[in-house]
Amino acid sequence: MRKVTFRVANSLDNYIARKDGSFDWIQQSEESSASLAGFWKTIDTVLWGRKTYDLVKGRMPTFQGVKNYVLSRTLKESADKEVELVNEDAAEFVHTLKSQKGRDIFVMGGGKLAKSLFEADLIDEVGMNIHPVFLGSGIALFHEMKRQINLELIECQTFRDGCVFVSYRVKS
């Protein structure tokens, strides 16, 4: 069965973007780029929440070579020909994807999407690139969930720029 990983960059106070959706505070380094490049080799599918997709639509060439799905109940068309819209229940769709042949699946942002997938026991791993900044406000990484999700540490890397990458396995 394919693995689903929710991987995200976040501030130390757990925001994924400023209130206006900008993410200019995210630091790019050779180390974090190498970590992400290694991760990209393990996946062939990217799942986007609609709000996250709204921030990057029209600029998708970075994500060519993988299948891109935007899960949204409201969006009716995509700005990118490489993106397929999914208007069905996210949990049902991801459950079906996991059982299909292929490499792993990357949940690219979307706190609401991640919440629904966590609550449906569909996320297997969590990866967070924590940046050494307090934004003070913005778009929260996680939304309130119905239950506790227990995790087991897989790895922790520190980068020279002060970022820390942590990866956790979701305990069953």
C-alpha atoms as a PDB file:
ATOM      1  CA  MET A   1       0.000   0.000   0.000  1.00  0.00           C
ATOM      2  CA  ARG A   2       1.209   3.506  -0.817  1.00  0.00           C
ATOM      3  CA  LYS A   3       2.320   5.815   1.985  1.00  0.00           C
ATOM      4  CA  VAL A   4       0.709   9.252   2.453  1.00  0.00           C
ATOM      5  CA  THR A   5       2.969  11.969   3.875  1.00  0.00           C
ATOM      6  CA  PHE A   6       1.834  15.400   5.020  1.00  0.00           C
ATOM      7  CA  ARG A   7       4.926  17.570   4.599  1.00  0.00           C
ATOM      8  CA  VAL A   8       5.019  21.295   5.200  1.00  0.00           C
ATOM      9  CA  ALA A   9       7.188  24.301   6.010  1.00  0.00           C
ATOM     10  CA  ASN A  10       6.086  26.137   9.120  1.00  0.00           C
ATOM     11  CA  SER A  11       7.164  28.883  11.469  1.00  0.00           C
ATOM     12  CA  LEU A  12       8.164  28.047  15.025  1.00  0.00           C
ATOM     13  CA  ASP A  13       4.751  29.329  16.160  1.00  0.00           C
ATOM     14  CA  ASN A  14       3.054  26.919  13.718  1.00  0.00           C
ATOM     15  CA  TYR A  15       1.906  29.110  10.851  1.00  0.00           C
ATOM     16  CA  ILE A  16       2.263  27.999   7.233  1.00  0.00           C
ATOM     17  CA  ALA A  17       1.734  31.436   5.702  1.00  0.00           C
ATOM     18  CA  ARG A  18       1.105  35.045   6.593  1.00  0.00           C
ATOM     19  CA  LYS A  19      -2.523  36.228   6.812  1.00  0.00           C
ATOM     20  CA  ASP A  20      -2.326  37.341   3.159  1.00  0.00           C
ATOM     21  CA  GLY A  21      -1.113  33.860   2.164  1.00  0.00           C
ATOM     22  CA  SER A  22       2.475  34.912   1.488  1.00  0.00           C
ATOM     23  CA  PHE A  23       5.344  32.673   2.482  1.00  0.00           C
ATOM     24  CA  ASP A  24       8.300  34.989   1.841  1.00  0.00           C
ATOM     25  CA  TRP A  25       9.718  34.043   5.243  1.00  0.00           C
ATOM     26  CA  ILE A  26      10.547  30.487   4.120  1.00  0.00           C
ATOM     27  CA  GLN A  27      14.317  30.064   3.936  1.00  0.00           C
ATOM     28  CA  GLN A  28      15.777  28.117   1.047  1.00  0.00           C
ATOM     29  CA  SER A  29      19.080  26.375   1.643  1.00  0.00           C
ATOM     30  CA  GLU A  30      21.133  23.692  -0.069  1.00  0.00           C
ATOM     31  CA  GLU A  31      20.423  21.362   2.837  1.00  0.00           C
ATOM     32  CA  SER A  32      16.654  21.786   2.802  1.00  0.00           C
ATOM     33  CA  SER A  33      16.610  21.610  -1.011  1.00  0.00           C
ATOM     34  CA  ALA A  34      18.571  18.334  -0.909  1.00  0.00           C
ATOM     35  CA  SER A  35      16.184  16.909   1.690  1.00  0.00           C
ATOM     36  CA  LEU A  36      13.182  17.855  -0.431  1.00  0.00           C
ATOM     37  CA  ALA A  37      14.803  16.512  -3.624  1.00  0.00           C
ATOM     38  CA  GLY A  38      15.284  13.150  -1.938  1.00  0.00           C
ATOM     39  CA  PHE A  39      11.646  13.151  -0.874  1.00  0.00           C
ATOM     40  CA  TRP A  40      10.441  13.958  -4.423  1.00  0.00           C
ATOM     41  CA  LYS A  41      12.094  10.742  -5.656  1.00  0.00           C
ATOM     42  CA  THR A  42       9.751   8.711  -3.434  1.00  0.00           C
ATOM     43  CA  ILE A  43       6.445  10.177  -4.677  1.00  0.00           C
ATOM     44  CA  ASP A  44       4.402  10.300  -7.855  1.00  0.00           C
ATOM     45  CA  THR A  45       1.282  12.050  -6.559  1.00  0.00           C
ATOM     46  CA  VAL A  46       0.684  15.446  -4.930  1.00  0.00           C
ATOM     47  CA  LEU A  47      -2.582  16.323  -3.183  1.00  0.00           C
ATOM     48  CA  TRP A  48      -3.439  20.003  -2.754  1.00  0.00           C
ATOM     49  CA  GLY A  49      -6.054  21.667  -0.639  1.00  0.00           C
ATOM     50  CA  ARG A  50      -7.894  24.368  -2.562  1.00  0.00           C
ATOM     51  CA  LYS A  51      -6.540  27.296  -0.540  1.00  0.00           C
ATOM     52  CA  THR A  52      -2.946  26.106  -0.903  1.00  0.00           C
ATOM     53  CA  TYR A  53      -3.496  25.575  -4.615  1.00  0.00           C
ATOM     54  CA  ASP A  54      -4.913  29.121  -4.923  1.00  0.00           C
ATOM     55  CA  LEU A  55      -1.543  30.445  -3.736  1.00  0.00           C
ATOM     56  CA  VAL A  56       0.421  28.649  -6.478  1.00  0.00           C
ATOM     57  CA  LYS A  57      -1.997  28.149  -9.371  1.00  0.00           C
ATOM     58  CA  GLY A  58      -0.625  29.104 -12.741  1.00  0.00           C
ATOM     59  CA  ARG A  59       2.915  28.398 -11.459  1.00  0.00           C
ATOM     60  CA  MET A  60       2.888  24.602 -11.441  1.00  0.00           C
ATOM     61  CA  PRO A  61       5.963  23.698 -13.593  1.00  0.00           C
ATOM     62  CA  THR A  62       7.911  22.869 -10.414  1.00  0.00           C
ATOM     63  CA  PHE A  63       5.538  19.967  -9.888  1.00  0.00           C
ATOM     64  CA  GLN A  64       5.509  18.472 -13.380  1.00  0.00           C
ATOM     65  CA  GLY A  65       6.284  14.786 -13.618  1.00  0.00           C
ATOM     66  CA  VAL A  66       3.924  13.888 -10.802  1.00  0.00           C
ATOM     67  CA  LYS A  67       0.142  13.590 -10.782  1.00  0.00           C
ATOM     68  CA  ASN A  68      -1.398  16.679  -9.153  1.00  0.00           C
ATOM     69  CA  TYR A  69      -4.871  16.608  -7.606  1.00  0.00           C
ATOM     70  CA  VAL A  70      -6.667  19.562  -6.034  1.00  0.00           C
ATOM     71  CA  LEU A  71      -9.304  18.441  -3.573  1.00  0.00           C
ATOM     72  CA  SER A  72     -12.080  21.025  -3.442  1.00  0.00           C
ATOM     73  CA  ARG A  73     -15.833  21.071  -3.173  1.00  0.00           C
ATOM     74  CA  THR A  74     -16.032  24.608  -4.609  1.00  0.00           C
ATOM     75  CA  LEU A  75     -13.429  24.914  -7.387  1.00  0.00           C
ATOM     76  CA  LYS A  76     -14.879  24.104 -10.804  1.00  0.00           C
ATOM     77  CA  GLU A  77     -11.833  24.410 -13.065  1.00  0.00           C
ATOM     78  CA  SER A  78      -8.082  24.412 -12.805  1.00  0.00           C
ATOM     79  CA  ALA A  79      -5.658  27.092 -13.986  1.00  0.00           C
ATOM     80  CA  ASP A  80      -3.141  24.346 -14.805  1.00  0.00           C
ATOM     81  CA  LYS A  81      -3.541  21.558 -17.351  1.00  0.00           C
ATOM     82  CA  GLU A  82      -1.389  19.275 -15.158  1.00  0.00           C
ATOM     83  CA  VAL A  83      -3.929  19.464 -12.322  1.00  0.00           C
ATOM     84  CA  GLU A  84      -6.996  17.299 -11.895  1.00  0.00           C
ATOM     85  CA  LEU A  85      -9.807  18.609  -9.716  1.00  0.00           C
ATOM     86  CA  VAL A  86     -11.425  16.225  -7.272  1.00  0.00           C
ATOM     87  CA  ASN A  87     -14.819  17.275  -5.939  1.00  0.00           C
ATOM     88  CA  GLU A  88     -15.620  14.009  -4.154  1.00  0.00           C
ATOM     89  CA  ASP A  89     -15.023  13.260  -0.490  1.00  0.00           C
ATOM     90  CA  ALA A  90     -11.281  13.660   0.186  1.00  0.00           C
ATOM     91  CA  ALA A  91     -11.030  10.661   2.501  1.00  0.00           C
ATOM     92  CA  GLU A  92     -12.737   8.324   0.032  1.00  0.00           C
ATOM     93  CA  PHE A  93     -10.542   9.576  -2.809  1.00  0.00           C
ATOM     94  CA  VAL A  94      -7.290   9.171  -0.840  1.00  0.00           C
ATOM     95  CA  HIS A  95      -8.335   5.738   0.428  1.00  0.00           C
ATOM     96  CA  THR A  96      -8.771   4.639  -3.197  1.00  0.00           C
ATOM     97  CA  LEU A  97      -5.439   6.226  -4.229  1.00  0.00           C
ATOM     98  CA  LYS A  98      -3.563   4.441  -1.433  1.00  0.00           C
ATOM     99  CA  SER A  99      -4.728   1.060  -2.694  1.00  0.00           C
ATOM    100  CA  GLN A 100      -3.593   1.724  -6.271  1.00  0.00           C
ATOM    101  CA  LYS A 101      -0.128   0.900  -7.590  1.00  0.00           C
ATOM    102  CA  GLY A 102       2.412   3.689  -7.566  1.00  0.00           C
ATOM    103  CA  ARG A 103       4.919   5.520  -5.462  1.00  0.00           C
ATOM    104  CA  ASP A 104       4.029   7.445  -2.325  1.00  0.00           C
ATOM    105  CA  ILE A 105       1.595  10.365  -2.012  1.00  0.00           C
ATOM    106  CA  PHE A 106       2.448  13.882  -0.821  1.00  0.00           C
ATOM    107  CA  VAL A 107      -0.180  16.041   0.887  1.00  0.00           C
ATOM    108  CA  MET A 108       1.045  19.538   0.003  1.00  0.00           C
ATOM    109  CA  GLY A 109      -0.282  21.958   2.531  1.00  0.00           C
ATOM    110  CA  GLY A 110      -3.855  22.486   3.383  1.00  0.00           C
ATOM    111  CA  GLY A 111      -4.550  22.338   7.102  1.00  0.00           C
ATOM    112  CA  LYS A 112      -8.206  21.499   6.513  1.00  0.00           C
ATOM    113  CA  LEU A 113      -7.331  18.779   4.025  1.00  0.00           C
ATOM    114  CA  ALA A 114      -4.728  17.350   6.421  1.00  0.00           C
ATOM    115  CA  LYS A 115      -7.258  17.422   9.269  1.00  0.00           C
ATOM    116  CA  SER A 116      -9.774  15.381   7.297  1.00  0.00           C
ATOM    117  CA  LEU A 117      -7.110  12.861   6.286  1.00  0.00           C
ATOM    118  CA  PHE A 118      -5.707  12.563   9.824  1.00  0.00           C
ATOM    119  CA  GLU A 119      -9.190  11.972  11.197  1.00  0.00           C
ATOM    120  CA  ALA A 120      -9.764   9.266   8.564  1.00  0.00           C
ATOM    121  CA  ASP A 121      -6.446   7.551   9.509  1.00  0.00           C
ATOM    122  CA  LEU A 122      -5.044   8.085   6.012  1.00  0.00           C
ATOM    123  CA  ILE A 123      -1.827   9.983   6.785  1.00  0.00           C
ATOM    124  CA  ASP A 124       1.118   7.719   7.522  1.00  0.00           C
ATOM    125  CA  GLU A 125       3.903  10.258   8.085  1.00  0.00           C
ATOM    126  CA  VAL A 126       4.346  13.939   8.901  1.00  0.00           C
ATOM    127  CA  GLY A 127       7.367  15.981   7.842  1.00  0.00           C
ATOM    128  CA  MET A 128       7.880  19.526   9.079  1.00  0.00           C
ATOM    129  CA  ASN A 129      10.582  21.968   8.043  1.00  0.00           C
ATOM    130  CA  ILE A 130      10.455  24.322  11.016  1.00  0.00           C
ATOM    131  CA  HIS A 131      11.835  27.790  10.319  1.00  0.00           C
ATOM    132  CA  PRO A 132      13.410  29.915  13.063  1.00  0.00           C
ATOM    133  CA  VAL A 133      10.828  32.680  12.991  1.00  0.00           C
ATOM    134  CA  PHE A 134       7.722  33.669  14.957  1.00  0.00           C
ATOM    135  CA  LEU A 135       5.195  35.126  12.521  1.00  0.00           C
ATOM    136  CA  GLY A 136       2.853  36.140  15.339  1.00  0.00           C
ATOM    137  CA  SER A 137      -0.210  35.523  13.191  1.00  0.00           C
ATOM    138  CA  GLY A 138      -1.150  33.962   9.905  1.00  0.00           C
ATOM    139  CA  ILE A 139      -2.641  30.777   8.529  1.00  0.00           C
ATOM    140  CA  ALA A 140      -2.439  28.080  11.190  1.00  0.00           C
ATOM    141  CA  LEU A 141      -0.719  24.793  10.412  1.00  0.00           C
ATOM    142  CA  PHE A 142      -3.278  22.588  12.158  1.00  0.00           C
ATOM    143  CA  HIS A 143      -6.974  22.867  12.834  1.00  0.00           C
ATOM    144  CA  GLU A 144      -8.760  21.460  15.861  1.00  0.00           C
ATOM    145  CA  MET A 145      -9.204  17.703  15.577  1.00  0.00           C
ATOM    146  CA  LYS A 146     -11.683  15.330  17.133  1.00  0.00           C
ATOM    147  CA  ARG A 147      -8.988  13.207  18.757  1.00  0.00           C
ATOM    148  CA  GLN A 148      -5.324  12.980  19.653  1.00  0.00           C
ATOM    149  CA  ILE A 149      -2.915  11.708  16.983  1.00  0.00           C
ATOM    150  CA  ASN A 150       0.148   9.930  18.403  1.00  0.00           C
ATOM    151  CA  LEU A 151       3.448  10.107  16.543  1.00  0.00           C
ATOM    152  CA  GLU A 152       6.802   8.329  16.584  1.00  0.00           C
ATOM    153  CA  LEU A 153       9.982  10.194  15.635  1.00  0.00           C
ATOM    154  CA  ILE A 154      11.661   8.922  12.454  1.00  0.00           C
ATOM    155  CA  GLU A 155      14.351  11.571  12.002  1.00  0.00           C
ATOM    156  CA  CYS A 156      15.458  15.016  13.032  1.00  0.00           C
ATOM    157  CA  GLN A 157      17.889  17.089  10.971  1.00  0.00           C
ATOM    158  CA  THR A 158      19.281  20.505  11.800  1.00  0.00           C
ATOM    159  CA  PHE A 159      20.385  22.809   9.015  1.00  0.00           C
ATOM    160  CA  ARG A 160      23.027  25.521   9.155  1.00  0.00           C
ATOM    161  CA  ASP A 161      20.392  28.209   8.476  1.00  0.00           C
ATOM    162  CA  GLY A 162      18.657  27.364  11.763  1.00  0.00           C
ATOM    163  CA  CYS A 163      15.851  25.282  10.251  1.00  0.00           C
ATOM    164  CA  VAL A 164      15.002  21.922  11.718  1.00  0.00           C
ATOM    165  CA  PHE A 165      13.387  19.125   9.717  1.00  0.00           C
ATOM    166  CA  VAL A 166      11.479  16.535  11.728  1.00  0.00           C
ATOM    167  CA  SER A 167       9.727  13.478  10.412  1.00  0.00           C
ATOM    168  CA  TYR A 168       7.216  11.391  12.341  1.00  0.00           C
ATOM    169  CA  ARG A 169       5.356   8.155  11.724  1.00  0.00           C
ATOM    170  CA  VAL A 170       1.693   8.220  12.685  1.00  0.00           C
ATOM    171  CA  LYS A 171       1.090   5.507  15.274  1.00  0.00           C
ATOM    172  CA  SER A 172      -1.900   3.240  14.663  1.00  0.00           C
END
